Amino acid sequence: MNLVPRGSVVVGLERSDEGQAAAEYAAEVADRRHVPLLLVHAFEPSPYIGRAPTIGWGFDMEAVLRDSSERLLDEAAARLSIGYPDLEVISRTRAGSAAAILIEESKRAALLVVGSRGQGGFADLVIGSTTLHVTSHAHCPVVVVPGAPVDATSRHGVVVVGVDGTDHSEAAIAFAFQMASETREKLTAVHAWHDPASMGVGVMMPLVYDPTLVEREEELVLAESMAGWSAKFPDVEVEQTVVRGHPVHALVTRAATADLLVVGSRGRGSLRSLLLGSVSHGVLHHASGPVAIVPEAN
């Protein structure tokens, strides 16, 4: 298999509006970065492949599926070439598991883009196990794109990043700054915290509890996490927001007026187990725009 140049943008392409939106999003990023775009379509081999015909005739089912996949890729490449004439587009059709294929491609990619829902090889990407597998094991940031593409006239000019106050947020913060710098958008850093009394059954309220003092401490946590990044990206305007409440609600609310929501693939505190439990599902199901899942740096 021919290797795609490192730093390319890879998109999982499928037959749906979300899949087309993902391709448009990926093309815009690749064109902006002046890197190649790899279109990948996966198809599951038919269970009837290899069986002898029973009525005197037969055909190569895998060849039919591969031809259909290649037509989808050719059509997408032709469409993208109109809007991005200088973009290098590479197409690849592969038989097998969509999750495994995308994770493999992510080893050389700078960014992996997928639609929020799909058909064929990428069915139920967000609502099933595939999305958890891909976002948990991809070697590069993954952007999940729902719905129709966002055109320039409807942009909000804001990137939102979830910050949990630990080193696990570093990669997400770096990615968010990079995207905000590339698109010349404002960056809003959101840190959510819970009341001690709402942390779970059996967790006792501290004898002395001052919400105002706790909020000030959480503001310090956020400030420390963001320290130094503005010096690296002096062109990015930054807003820091501390929210008392559940992280899903805090992030989704802010993302409603943003062009991208960025979260880390691992975390503790308010964003603990982001991709392994209800918070990740909540963000991916309820965010109205693209969501970037960023793995920790190796």
C-alpha atoms as a PDB file:
ATOM      1  CA  MET A   1       0.000   0.000   0.000  1.00  0.00           C
ATOM      2  CA  ASN A   2       1.373   3.419  -0.955  1.00  0.00           C
ATOM      3  CA  LEU A   3       1.999   5.635   2.031  1.00  0.00           C
ATOM      4  CA  VAL A   4       0.434   9.055   2.171  1.00  0.00           C
ATOM      5  CA  PRO A   5       2.827  11.888   3.116  1.00  0.00           C
ATOM      6  CA  ARG A   6       3.002  12.553   6.845  1.00  0.00           C
ATOM      7  CA  GLY A   7       0.943  15.503   7.975  1.00  0.00           C
ATOM      8  CA  SER A   8      -1.874  14.843   5.521  1.00  0.00           C
ATOM      9  CA  VAL A   9      -5.547  15.317   6.359  1.00  0.00           C
ATOM     10  CA  VAL A  10      -7.559  12.088   6.128  1.00  0.00           C
ATOM     11  CA  VAL A  11     -11.345  11.902   5.786  1.00  0.00           C
ATOM     12  CA  GLY A  12     -13.565   8.857   6.128  1.00  0.00           C
ATOM     13  CA  LEU A  13     -15.924   9.240   3.168  1.00  0.00           C
ATOM     14  CA  GLU A  14     -19.396   7.700   2.954  1.00  0.00           C
ATOM     15  CA  ARG A  15     -22.726   8.230   1.238  1.00  0.00           C
ATOM     16  CA  SER A  16     -24.575  10.726   3.426  1.00  0.00           C
ATOM     17  CA  ASP A  17     -24.904  14.451   3.951  1.00  0.00           C
ATOM     18  CA  GLU A  18     -22.683  14.141   7.026  1.00  0.00           C
ATOM     19  CA  GLY A  19     -20.048  12.324   4.987  1.00  0.00           C
ATOM     20  CA  GLN A  20     -20.041  15.063   2.362  1.00  0.00           C
ATOM     21  CA  ALA A  21     -19.833  17.700   5.098  1.00  0.00           C
ATOM     22  CA  ALA A  22     -16.825  15.875   6.556  1.00  0.00           C
ATOM     23  CA  ALA A  23     -15.127  15.877   3.154  1.00  0.00           C
ATOM     24  CA  GLU A  24     -15.718  19.628   2.744  1.00  0.00           C
ATOM     25  CA  TYR A  25     -14.386  20.306   6.239  1.00  0.00           C
ATOM     26  CA  ALA A  26     -11.288  18.181   5.648  1.00  0.00           C
ATOM     27  CA  ALA A  27     -10.629  19.809   2.273  1.00  0.00           C
ATOM     28  CA  GLU A  28     -10.795  23.276   3.791  1.00  0.00           C
ATOM     29  CA  VAL A  29      -8.248  22.357   6.479  1.00  0.00           C
ATOM     30  CA  ALA A  30      -5.910  20.610   4.019  1.00  0.00           C
ATOM     31  CA  ASP A  31      -6.062  23.492   1.553  1.00  0.00           C
ATOM     32  CA  ARG A  32      -5.405  26.006   4.325  1.00  0.00           C
ATOM     33  CA  ARG A  33      -2.393  24.015   5.510  1.00  0.00           C
ATOM     34  CA  HIS A  34      -1.140  23.245   1.986  1.00  0.00           C
ATOM     35  CA  VAL A  35      -1.028  19.500   2.674  1.00  0.00           C
ATOM     36  CA  PRO A  36      -2.523  16.540   0.747  1.00  0.00           C
ATOM     37  CA  LEU A  37      -6.070  15.330   1.429  1.00  0.00           C
ATOM     38  CA  LEU A  38      -6.672  11.574   1.574  1.00  0.00           C
ATOM     39  CA  LEU A  39     -10.219  10.367   0.863  1.00  0.00           C
ATOM     40  CA  VAL A  40     -10.814   6.903   2.342  1.00  0.00           C
ATOM     41  CA  HIS A  41     -13.880   4.739   1.791  1.00  0.00           C
ATOM     42  CA  ALA A  42     -14.218   1.381   3.537  1.00  0.00           C
ATOM     43  CA  PHE A  43     -16.636  -1.348   2.504  1.00  0.00           C
ATOM     44  CA  GLU A  44     -17.427  -4.567   4.332  1.00  0.00           C
ATOM     45  CA  PRO A  45     -16.798  -7.661   2.167  1.00  0.00           C
ATOM     46  CA  SER A  46     -19.996  -9.516   1.347  1.00  0.00           C
ATOM     47  CA  PRO A  47     -20.605 -12.763   3.263  1.00  0.00           C
ATOM     48  CA  TYR A  48     -21.458 -14.333  -0.102  1.00  0.00           C
ATOM     49  CA  ILE A  49     -18.016 -13.712  -1.587  1.00  0.00           C
ATOM     50  CA  GLY A  50     -16.356 -17.005  -2.437  1.00  0.00           C
ATOM     51  CA  ARG A  51     -19.570 -19.046  -2.533  1.00  0.00           C
ATOM     52  CA  ALA A  52     -20.356 -21.044  -5.662  1.00  0.00           C
ATOM     53  CA  PRO A  53     -23.347 -19.816  -7.711  1.00  0.00           C
ATOM     54  CA  THR A  54     -26.497 -21.855  -7.157  1.00  0.00           C
ATOM     55  CA  ILE A  55     -28.514 -20.954 -10.269  1.00  0.00           C
ATOM     56  CA  GLY A  56     -25.887 -21.257 -12.972  1.00  0.00           C
ATOM     57  CA  TRP A  57     -24.489 -17.741 -12.886  1.00  0.00           C
ATOM     58  CA  GLY A  58     -22.644 -15.481 -10.518  1.00  0.00           C
ATOM     59  CA  PHE A  59     -20.600 -12.301 -10.269  1.00  0.00           C
ATOM     60  CA  ASP A  60     -17.743 -10.939  -8.214  1.00  0.00           C
ATOM     61  CA  MET A  61     -19.553  -9.180  -5.348  1.00  0.00           C
ATOM     62  CA  GLU A  62     -16.356  -7.687  -3.967  1.00  0.00           C
ATOM     63  CA  ALA A  63     -15.547  -6.187  -7.373  1.00  0.00           C
ATOM     64  CA  VAL A  64     -19.011  -4.603  -7.462  1.00  0.00           C
ATOM     65  CA  LEU A  65     -18.529  -3.097  -4.009  1.00  0.00           C
ATOM     66  CA  ARG A  66     -15.060  -1.872  -4.888  1.00  0.00           C
ATOM     67  CA  ASP A  67     -16.271  -0.270  -8.126  1.00  0.00           C
ATOM     68  CA  SER A  68     -19.063   1.498  -6.234  1.00  0.00           C
ATOM     69  CA  SER A  69     -16.570   2.727  -3.663  1.00  0.00           C
ATOM     70  CA  GLU A  70     -14.213   4.023  -6.340  1.00  0.00           C
ATOM     71  CA  ARG A  71     -17.061   5.890  -8.062  1.00  0.00           C
ATOM     72  CA  LEU A  72     -17.932   7.570  -4.754  1.00  0.00           C
ATOM     73  CA  LEU A  73     -14.312   8.629  -4.300  1.00  0.00           C
ATOM     74  CA  ASP A  74     -13.980   9.889  -7.885  1.00  0.00           C
ATOM     75  CA  GLU A  75     -17.157  11.958  -7.568  1.00  0.00           C
ATOM     76  CA  ALA A  76     -15.998  13.468  -4.281  1.00  0.00           C
ATOM     77  CA  ALA A  77     -12.551  14.280  -5.671  1.00  0.00           C
ATOM     78  CA  ALA A  78     -14.075  15.950  -8.735  1.00  0.00           C
ATOM     79  CA  ARG A  79     -16.437  18.000  -6.592  1.00  0.00           C
ATOM     80  CA  LEU A  80     -13.686  19.131  -4.217  1.00  0.00           C
ATOM     81  CA  SER A  81     -11.385  20.086  -7.110  1.00  0.00           C
ATOM     82  CA  ILE A  82     -13.874  22.784  -8.106  1.00  0.00           C
ATOM     83  CA  GLY A  83     -13.707  24.557  -4.760  1.00  0.00           C
ATOM     84  CA  TYR A  84     -10.056  23.769  -4.074  1.00  0.00           C
ATOM     85  CA  PRO A  85      -8.260  23.649  -7.441  1.00  0.00           C
ATOM     86  CA  ASP A  86      -4.769  23.679  -5.894  1.00  0.00           C
ATOM     87  CA  LEU A  87      -5.457  20.907  -3.382  1.00  0.00           C
ATOM     88  CA  GLU A  88      -3.761  17.546  -3.874  1.00  0.00           C
ATOM     89  CA  VAL A  89      -6.443  14.873  -3.415  1.00  0.00           C
ATOM     90  CA  ILE A  90      -5.575  11.194  -3.014  1.00  0.00           C
ATOM     91  CA  SER A  91      -8.252   8.484  -2.975  1.00  0.00           C
ATOM     92  CA  ARG A  92      -8.134   5.064  -1.372  1.00  0.00           C
ATOM     93  CA  THR A  93     -10.803   2.349  -1.246  1.00  0.00           C
ATOM     94  CA  ARG A  94     -10.289  -0.514   1.175  1.00  0.00           C
ATOM     95  CA  ALA A  95     -12.185  -3.599   2.263  1.00  0.00           C
ATOM     96  CA  GLY A  96     -12.501  -4.189   5.980  1.00  0.00           C
ATOM     97  CA  SER A  97     -13.396  -2.581   9.280  1.00  0.00           C
ATOM     98  CA  ALA A  98     -13.865   1.174   9.036  1.00  0.00           C
ATOM     99  CA  ALA A  99     -12.525   1.730  12.553  1.00  0.00           C
ATOM    100  CA  ALA A 100      -9.383  -0.335  11.997  1.00  0.00           C
ATOM    101  CA  ILE A 101      -8.700   1.301   8.633  1.00  0.00           C
ATOM    102  CA  LEU A 102      -9.102   4.836   9.962  1.00  0.00           C
ATOM    103  CA  ILE A 103      -6.918   4.143  12.992  1.00  0.00           C
ATOM    104  CA  GLU A 104      -4.224   2.752  10.708  1.00  0.00           C
ATOM    105  CA  GLU A 105      -4.390   5.799   8.428  1.00  0.00           C
ATOM    106  CA  SER A 106      -4.191   8.102  11.466  1.00  0.00           C
ATOM    107  CA  LYS A 107      -0.618   6.946  12.151  1.00  0.00           C
ATOM    108  CA  ARG A 108       0.680   9.234   9.406  1.00  0.00           C
ATOM    109  CA  ALA A 109      -2.090  11.850   9.382  1.00  0.00           C
ATOM    110  CA  ALA A 110      -2.109  15.239  11.075  1.00  0.00           C
ATOM    111  CA  LEU A 111      -5.907  15.185  11.280  1.00  0.00           C
ATOM    112  CA  LEU A 112      -8.665  12.613  10.783  1.00  0.00           C
ATOM    113  CA  VAL A 113     -12.173  13.836   9.863  1.00  0.00           C
ATOM    114  CA  VAL A 114     -15.386  11.773   9.948  1.00  0.00           C
ATOM    115  CA  GLY A 115     -19.097  12.442   9.625  1.00  0.00           C
ATOM    116  CA  SER A 116     -21.268  12.206  12.716  1.00  0.00           C
ATOM    117  CA  ARG A 117     -23.499   9.555  11.151  1.00  0.00           C
ATOM    118  CA  GLY A 118     -23.141   7.499   8.052  1.00  0.00           C
ATOM    119  CA  GLN A 119     -24.004   4.513   5.948  1.00  0.00           C
ATOM    120  CA  GLY A 120     -22.037   1.563   4.662  1.00  0.00           C
ATOM    121  CA  GLY A 121     -18.585   1.279   6.180  1.00  0.00           C
ATOM    122  CA  PHE A 122     -19.092   4.163   8.587  1.00  0.00           C
ATOM    123  CA  ALA A 123     -22.607   3.381   9.865  1.00  0.00           C
ATOM    124  CA  ASP A 124     -23.528   4.694  13.318  1.00  0.00           C
ATOM    125  CA  LEU A 125     -20.062   6.196  13.716  1.00  0.00           C
ATOM    126  CA  VAL A 126     -21.061   8.438  16.596  1.00  0.00           C
ATOM    127  CA  ILE A 127     -23.803   6.469  18.295  1.00  0.00           C
ATOM    128  CA  GLY A 128     -22.147   3.038  18.205  1.00  0.00           C
ATOM    129  CA  SER A 129     -18.912   1.438  19.299  1.00  0.00           C
ATOM    130  CA  THR A 130     -16.987   2.551  16.198  1.00  0.00           C
ATOM    131  CA  THR A 131     -16.691   6.152  17.307  1.00  0.00           C
ATOM    132  CA  LEU A 132     -15.444   5.195  20.769  1.00  0.00           C
ATOM    133  CA  HIS A 133     -12.867   2.902  19.208  1.00  0.00           C
ATOM    134  CA  VAL A 134     -11.661   5.447  16.659  1.00  0.00           C
ATOM    135  CA  THR A 135     -11.527   8.433  19.002  1.00  0.00           C
ATOM    136  CA  SER A 136      -9.916   6.382  21.761  1.00  0.00           C
ATOM    137  CA  HIS A 137      -7.211   4.820  19.595  1.00  0.00           C
ATOM    138  CA  ALA A 138      -6.490   7.282  16.762  1.00  0.00           C
ATOM    139  CA  HIS A 139      -2.921   8.531  16.660  1.00  0.00           C
ATOM    140  CA  CYS A 140      -3.928  12.059  15.657  1.00  0.00           C
ATOM    141  CA  PRO A 141      -6.780  14.496  16.438  1.00  0.00           C
ATOM    142  CA  VAL A 142     -10.205  13.420  15.162  1.00  0.00           C
ATOM    143  CA  VAL A 143     -12.859  15.929  14.085  1.00  0.00           C
ATOM    144  CA  VAL A 144     -16.447  14.652  14.049  1.00  0.00           C
ATOM    145  CA  VAL A 145     -18.582  16.762  11.691  1.00  0.00           C
ATOM    146  CA  PRO A 146     -22.381  16.732  11.956  1.00  0.00           C
ATOM    147  CA  GLY A 147     -24.865  17.995   9.408  1.00  0.00           C
ATOM    148  CA  ALA A 148     -24.246  20.304   6.495  1.00  0.00           C
ATOM    149  CA  PRO A 149     -20.979  22.191   5.903  1.00  0.00           C
ATOM    150  CA  VAL A 150     -20.601  25.553   7.600  1.00  0.00           C
ATOM    151  CA  ASP A 151     -20.198  28.287   5.005  1.00  0.00           C
ATOM    152  CA  ALA A 152     -18.196  31.419   5.608  1.00  0.00           C
ATOM    153  CA  THR A 153     -21.283  33.592   6.073  1.00  0.00           C
ATOM    154  CA  SER A 154     -22.565  31.557   9.029  1.00  0.00           C
ATOM    155  CA  ARG A 155     -19.340  31.255  10.994  1.00  0.00           C
ATOM    156  CA  HIS A 156     -19.267  32.436  14.593  1.00  0.00           C
ATOM    157  CA  GLY A 157     -15.539  33.184  14.656  1.00  0.00           C
ATOM    158  CA  VAL A 158     -14.950  31.184  17.858  1.00  0.00           C
ATOM    159  CA  VAL A 159     -13.138  27.977  18.832  1.00  0.00           C
ATOM    160  CA  VAL A 160     -14.019  26.458  22.241  1.00  0.00           C
ATOM    161  CA  VAL A 161     -11.670  24.194  24.193  1.00  0.00           C
ATOM    162  CA  GLY A 162     -12.489  22.193  27.328  1.00  0.00           C
ATOM    163  CA  VAL A 163      -9.778  22.446  29.988  1.00  0.00           C
ATOM    164  CA  ASP A 164      -9.742  20.090  32.981  1.00  0.00           C
ATOM    165  CA  GLY A 165      -6.765  21.611  34.797  1.00  0.00           C
ATOM    166  CA  THR A 166      -4.398  18.654  34.309  1.00  0.00           C
ATOM    167  CA  ASP A 167      -1.601  17.855  31.869  1.00  0.00           C
ATOM    168  CA  HIS A 168      -4.145  15.782  29.912  1.00  0.00           C
ATOM    169  CA  SER A 169      -5.523  19.039  28.470  1.00  0.00           C
ATOM    170  CA  GLU A 170      -2.203  20.190  27.005  1.00  0.00           C
ATOM    171  CA  ALA A 171      -2.626  18.546  23.602  1.00  0.00           C
ATOM    172  CA  ALA A 172      -6.210  19.784  23.280  1.00  0.00           C
ATOM    173  CA  ILE A 173      -5.172  23.338  24.177  1.00  0.00           C
ATOM    174  CA  ALA A 174      -2.333  23.244  21.643  1.00  0.00           C
ATOM    175  CA  PHE A 175      -4.668  21.979  18.904  1.00  0.00           C
ATOM    176  CA  ALA A 176      -7.303  24.582  19.743  1.00  0.00           C
ATOM    177  CA  PHE A 177      -4.764  27.408  19.563  1.00  0.00           C
ATOM    178  CA  GLN A 178      -3.480  26.077  16.238  1.00  0.00           C
ATOM    179  CA  MET A 179      -6.960  25.942  14.723  1.00  0.00           C
ATOM    180  CA  ALA A 180      -7.901  29.372  16.074  1.00  0.00           C
ATOM    181  CA  SER A 181      -4.670  30.830  14.680  1.00  0.00           C
ATOM    182  CA  GLU A 182      -5.209  29.240  11.263  1.00  0.00           C
ATOM    183  CA  THR A 183      -8.789  30.449  10.992  1.00  0.00           C
ATOM    184  CA  ARG A 184      -8.124  33.796  12.736  1.00  0.00           C
ATOM    185  CA  GLU A 185     -10.815  33.099  15.265  1.00  0.00           C
ATOM    186  CA  LYS A 186     -11.210  33.840  18.964  1.00  0.00           C
ATOM    187  CA  LEU A 187     -10.460  31.049  21.451  1.00  0.00           C
ATOM    188  CA  THR A 188     -12.702  30.440  24.470  1.00  0.00           C
ATOM    189  CA  ALA A 189     -11.271  28.151  27.171  1.00  0.00           C
ATOM    190  CA  VAL A 190     -13.962  26.554  29.361  1.00  0.00           C
ATOM    191  CA  HIS A 191     -13.342  24.914  32.730  1.00  0.00           C
ATOM    192  CA  ALA A 192     -16.336  23.341  34.520  1.00  0.00           C
ATOM    193  CA  TRP A 193     -16.530  22.407  38.194  1.00  0.00           C
ATOM    194  CA  HIS A 194     -19.082  20.695  40.415  1.00  0.00           C
ATOM    195  CA  ASP A 195     -20.325  21.494  43.892  1.00  0.00           C
ATOM    196  CA  PRO A 196     -18.741  19.007  46.314  1.00  0.00           C
ATOM    197  CA  ALA A 197     -22.252  17.956  47.341  1.00  0.00           C
ATOM    198  CA  SER A 198     -23.113  16.976  43.771  1.00  0.00           C
ATOM    199  CA  MET A 199     -20.100  14.777  43.119  1.00  0.00           C
ATOM    200  CA  GLY A 200     -21.854  11.518  43.977  1.00  0.00           C
ATOM    201  CA  VAL A 201     -23.649   9.352  46.492  1.00  0.00           C
ATOM    202  CA  GLY A 202     -21.782   9.140  49.785  1.00  0.00           C
ATOM    203  CA  VAL A 203     -19.579  12.177  49.101  1.00  0.00           C
ATOM    204  CA  MET A 204     -19.975  14.462  52.075  1.00  0.00           C
ATOM    205  CA  MET A 205     -20.163  18.242  51.881  1.00  0.00           C
ATOM    206  CA  PRO A 206     -17.067  19.885  53.409  1.00  0.00           C
ATOM    207  CA  LEU A 207     -17.676  21.360  56.849  1.00  0.00           C
ATOM    208  CA  VAL A 208     -16.578  24.738  55.497  1.00  0.00           C
ATOM    209  CA  TYR A 209     -17.586  25.359  51.927  1.00  0.00           C
ATOM    210  CA  ASP A 210     -17.435  28.734  50.210  1.00  0.00           C
ATOM    211  CA  PRO A 211     -18.548  28.552  46.545  1.00  0.00           C
ATOM    212  CA  THR A 212     -16.987  31.930  45.810  1.00  0.00           C
ATOM    213  CA  LEU A 213     -13.627  30.745  47.128  1.00  0.00           C
ATOM    214  CA  VAL A 214     -13.874  27.504  45.176  1.00  0.00           C
ATOM    215  CA  GLU A 215     -14.650  29.398  41.975  1.00  0.00           C
ATOM    216  CA  ARG A 216     -11.604  31.611  42.491  1.00  0.00           C
ATOM    217  CA  GLU A 217      -9.476  28.508  42.940  1.00  0.00           C
ATOM    218  CA  GLU A 218     -10.884  27.023  39.750  1.00  0.00           C
ATOM    219  CA  GLU A 219     -10.155  30.281  37.906  1.00  0.00           C
ATOM    220  CA  LEU A 220      -6.548  29.934  39.047  1.00  0.00           C
ATOM    221  CA  VAL A 221      -6.481  26.342  37.791  1.00  0.00           C
ATOM    222  CA  LEU A 222      -7.665  27.483  34.352  1.00  0.00           C
ATOM    223  CA  ALA A 223      -5.229  30.410  34.268  1.00  0.00           C
ATOM    224  CA  GLU A 224      -2.326  28.094  35.078  1.00  0.00           C
ATOM    225  CA  SER A 225      -3.370  25.673  32.327  1.00  0.00           C
ATOM    226  CA  MET A 226      -3.486  28.506  29.786  1.00  0.00           C
ATOM    227  CA  ALA A 227      -0.267  30.188  30.913  1.00  0.00           C
ATOM    228  CA  GLY A 228       2.308  30.594  28.160  1.00  0.00           C
ATOM    229  CA  TRP A 229       0.069  29.723  25.256  1.00  0.00           C
ATOM    230  CA  SER A 230      -0.736  33.305  24.292  1.00  0.00           C
ATOM    231  CA  ALA A 231       2.979  33.974  23.951  1.00  0.00           C
ATOM    232  CA  LYS A 232       3.193  31.120  21.446  1.00  0.00           C
ATOM    233  CA  PHE A 233       0.105  32.337  19.587  1.00  0.00           C
ATOM    234  CA  PRO A 234       0.056  36.132  20.026  1.00  0.00           C
ATOM    235  CA  ASP A 235      -2.433  36.491  17.164  1.00  0.00           C
ATOM    236  CA  VAL A 236      -5.176  34.584  19.014  1.00  0.00           C
ATOM    237  CA  GLU A 237      -7.612  36.469  21.240  1.00  0.00           C
ATOM    238  CA  VAL A 238      -8.386  34.367  24.329  1.00  0.00           C
ATOM    239  CA  GLU A 239     -11.337  34.323  26.721  1.00  0.00           C
ATOM    240  CA  GLN A 240     -11.191  32.192  29.881  1.00  0.00           C
ATOM    241  CA  THR A 241     -14.487  31.010  31.369  1.00  0.00           C
ATOM    242  CA  VAL A 242     -15.082  29.061  34.577  1.00  0.00           C
ATOM    243  CA  VAL A 243     -18.520  27.438  34.766  1.00  0.00           C
ATOM    244  CA  ARG A 244     -20.210  25.928  37.800  1.00  0.00           C
ATOM    245  CA  GLY A 245     -22.070  22.897  36.502  1.00  0.00           C
ATOM    246  CA  HIS A 246     -21.843  19.748  34.423  1.00  0.00           C
ATOM    247  CA  PRO A 247     -19.098  19.778  31.736  1.00  0.00           C
ATOM    248  CA  VAL A 248     -21.402  18.496  28.980  1.00  0.00           C
ATOM    249  CA  HIS A 249     -23.856  21.337  29.494  1.00  0.00           C
ATOM    250  CA  ALA A 250     -21.059  23.904  29.847  1.00  0.00           C
ATOM    251  CA  LEU A 251     -19.229  22.804  26.711  1.00  0.00           C
ATOM    252  CA  VAL A 252     -22.277  22.248  24.516  1.00  0.00           C
ATOM    253  CA  THR A 253     -23.764  25.603  25.541  1.00  0.00           C
ATOM    254  CA  ARG A 254     -20.592  27.443  24.594  1.00  0.00           C
ATOM    255  CA  ALA A 255     -20.166  25.397  21.415  1.00  0.00           C
ATOM    256  CA  ALA A 256     -23.632  26.443  20.205  1.00  0.00           C
ATOM    257  CA  THR A 257     -22.080  29.760  19.144  1.00  0.00           C
ATOM    258  CA  ALA A 258     -18.716  28.362  18.045  1.00  0.00           C
ATOM    259  CA  ASP A 259     -17.278  26.805  14.901  1.00  0.00           C
ATOM    260  CA  LEU A 260     -15.357  24.052  16.693  1.00  0.00           C
ATOM    261  CA  LEU A 261     -15.398  22.392  20.113  1.00  0.00           C
ATOM    262  CA  VAL A 262     -12.098  20.821  21.210  1.00  0.00           C
ATOM    263  CA  VAL A 263     -11.732  18.273  24.012  1.00  0.00           C
ATOM    264  CA  GLY A 264      -9.013  15.866  25.100  1.00  0.00           C
ATOM    265  CA  SER A 265      -9.312  12.114  24.751  1.00  0.00           C
ATOM    266  CA  ARG A 266      -8.379  11.531  28.375  1.00  0.00           C
ATOM    267  CA  GLY A 267      -8.956  13.628  31.453  1.00  0.00           C
ATOM    268  CA  ARG A 268      -9.654  13.883  35.133  1.00  0.00           C
ATOM    269  CA  GLY A 269     -11.648  16.217  37.328  1.00  0.00           C
ATOM    270  CA  SER A 270     -14.612  17.845  35.589  1.00  0.00           C
ATOM    271  CA  LEU A 271     -13.759  16.168  32.261  1.00  0.00           C
ATOM    272  CA  ARG A 272     -12.842  12.774  33.727  1.00  0.00           C
ATOM    273  CA  SER A 273     -13.159   9.795  31.323  1.00  0.00           C
ATOM    274  CA  LEU A 274     -14.375  12.106  28.596  1.00  0.00           C
ATOM    275  CA  LEU A 275     -14.398   9.487  25.855  1.00  0.00           C
ATOM    276  CA  LEU A 276     -15.255   6.487  27.968  1.00  0.00           C
ATOM    277  CA  GLY A 277     -18.524   7.488  29.593  1.00  0.00           C
ATOM    278  CA  SER A 278     -21.554   9.734  29.489  1.00  0.00           C
ATOM    279  CA  VAL A 279     -19.681  13.013  28.987  1.00  0.00           C
ATOM    280  CA  SER A 280     -18.239  12.025  25.613  1.00  0.00           C
ATOM    281  CA  HIS A 281     -21.552  10.693  24.416  1.00  0.00           C
ATOM    282  CA  GLY A 282     -23.276  13.847  25.640  1.00  0.00           C
ATOM    283  CA  VAL A 283     -20.863  16.161  23.828  1.00  0.00           C
ATOM    284  CA  LEU A 284     -20.922  14.188  20.587  1.00  0.00           C
ATOM    285  CA  HIS A 285     -24.693  13.757  20.591  1.00  0.00           C
ATOM    286  CA  HIS A 286     -25.636  17.300  21.571  1.00  0.00           C
ATOM    287  CA  ALA A 287     -22.984  19.578  20.058  1.00  0.00           C
ATOM    288  CA  SER A 288     -24.428  21.349  17.032  1.00  0.00           C
ATOM    289  CA  GLY A 289     -21.107  21.801  15.265  1.00  0.00           C
ATOM    290  CA  PRO A 290     -17.813  19.966  14.699  1.00  0.00           C
ATOM    291  CA  VAL A 291     -16.133  18.355  17.724  1.00  0.00           C
ATOM    292  CA  ALA A 292     -12.388  17.676  17.822  1.00  0.00           C
ATOM    293  CA  ILE A 293     -11.141  14.815  19.997  1.00  0.00           C
ATOM    294  CA  VAL A 294      -7.413  15.253  20.669  1.00  0.00           C
ATOM    295  CA  PRO A 295      -5.248  12.419  22.040  1.00  0.00           C
ATOM    296  CA  GLU A 296      -2.464  13.095  24.503  1.00  0.00           C
ATOM    297  CA  ALA A 297       0.940  13.755  23.002  1.00  0.00           C
ATOM    298  CA  ASN A 298       3.246  10.735  23.088  1.00  0.00           C
END
